Protein backbone atom coordinates (compact mmCIF):
# COMPACT_ATOMS: atom_id res chain seq x y z
CA MET A 1 -10.47 -36.08 -17.52
CA GLN A 2 -13.35 -34.32 -15.75
CA VAL A 3 -11.22 -33.62 -12.67
CA GLN A 4 -8.54 -31.97 -14.80
CA ASP A 5 -11.16 -29.85 -16.58
CA ALA A 6 -12.58 -28.75 -13.22
CA GLN A 7 -9.10 -27.87 -11.94
CA LYS A 8 -8.37 -25.80 -15.07
CA ALA A 9 -11.68 -23.96 -14.69
CA LEU A 10 -10.98 -23.25 -11.02
CA ILE A 11 -7.48 -21.96 -11.77
CA SER A 12 -8.80 -19.77 -14.58
CA ASP A 13 -11.60 -18.41 -12.39
CA THR A 14 -9.17 -17.69 -9.54
CA ALA A 15 -6.82 -15.84 -11.89
CA ILE A 16 -9.65 -13.62 -13.13
CA HIS A 17 -10.76 -12.78 -9.58
CA SER A 18 -7.17 -12.08 -8.51
CA LYS A 19 -6.69 -9.73 -11.45
CA ASN A 20 -9.89 -7.85 -10.58
CA ARG A 21 -8.94 -7.69 -6.90
CA ARG A 22 -5.54 -6.19 -7.74
CA ARG A 23 -7.16 -3.59 -9.96
CA THR A 24 -9.55 -2.63 -7.16
CA GLN A 25 -6.73 -2.39 -4.62
CA MET A 26 -4.61 -0.28 -6.93
CA SER A 27 -7.44 2.20 -7.53
CA ALA A 28 -7.55 2.83 -3.77
CA TYR A 29 -4.04 4.34 -3.89
CA THR A 30 -3.84 7.95 -2.76
CA HIS A 31 -0.93 10.34 -2.88
CA PHE A 32 0.29 12.10 0.22
CA THR A 33 -1.42 15.44 0.65
CA PRO A 34 0.65 18.55 1.36
CA ILE A 35 -0.72 18.48 4.92
CA GLU A 36 0.42 14.86 5.38
CA ARG A 37 3.86 15.71 4.01
CA GLY A 38 4.10 18.62 6.44
CA HIS A 39 3.08 16.38 9.32
CA LEU A 40 5.63 13.79 8.21
CA ALA A 41 8.43 16.37 8.00
CA ALA A 42 7.59 17.92 11.37
CA SER A 43 7.30 14.52 13.03
CA LEU A 44 10.65 13.36 11.64
CA LYS A 45 12.27 16.60 12.74
CA GLY A 46 10.77 16.06 16.20
CA GLY A 47 12.33 12.61 16.38
CA LYS A 48 9.18 10.51 16.13
CA ALA A 49 9.49 6.91 14.98
CA GLN A 50 8.17 5.98 11.55
CA ALA A 51 5.76 3.49 13.14
CA CYS A 52 4.26 6.24 15.28
CA ILE A 53 3.92 8.56 12.27
CA ALA A 54 2.28 5.77 10.28
CA ALA A 55 -0.30 5.25 13.02
CA GLU A 56 -1.03 8.97 13.25
CA LEU A 57 -1.55 9.28 9.49
CA GLY A 58 -3.40 5.99 9.12
CA ARG A 59 -0.80 4.70 6.65
CA SER A 60 1.35 1.59 6.66
CA GLU A 61 4.93 1.80 7.88
CA SER A 62 6.19 0.81 4.43
CA THR A 63 4.28 3.72 2.88
CA ILE A 64 5.91 6.15 5.31
CA SER A 65 9.34 4.67 4.63
CA ARG A 66 8.80 4.90 0.87
CA GLU A 67 7.65 8.52 1.08
CA ILE A 68 10.72 9.45 3.13
CA ARG A 69 13.02 7.67 0.69
CA ARG A 70 11.39 9.33 -2.35
CA ASN A 71 11.64 12.82 -0.91
CA GLY A 72 15.15 12.70 0.51
CA GLY A 73 14.19 12.55 4.17
CA SER A 74 16.04 10.63 6.83
């Protein structure tokens, strides 16, 4: 029975830490600034790849893709 109790405690402790980690990661979210949106628009118009734009802005490729999709870009 002691092994099962230890496993339950470990699972519970892991869940608490995971929940706190998610909360911390979510609070780091930042919106695109008007300057970043301008850079994104100009870069897309200039034919730059999303991966290149992501590197220039220090954002992930999925963030760039999501921003384009949300704002009607192509």
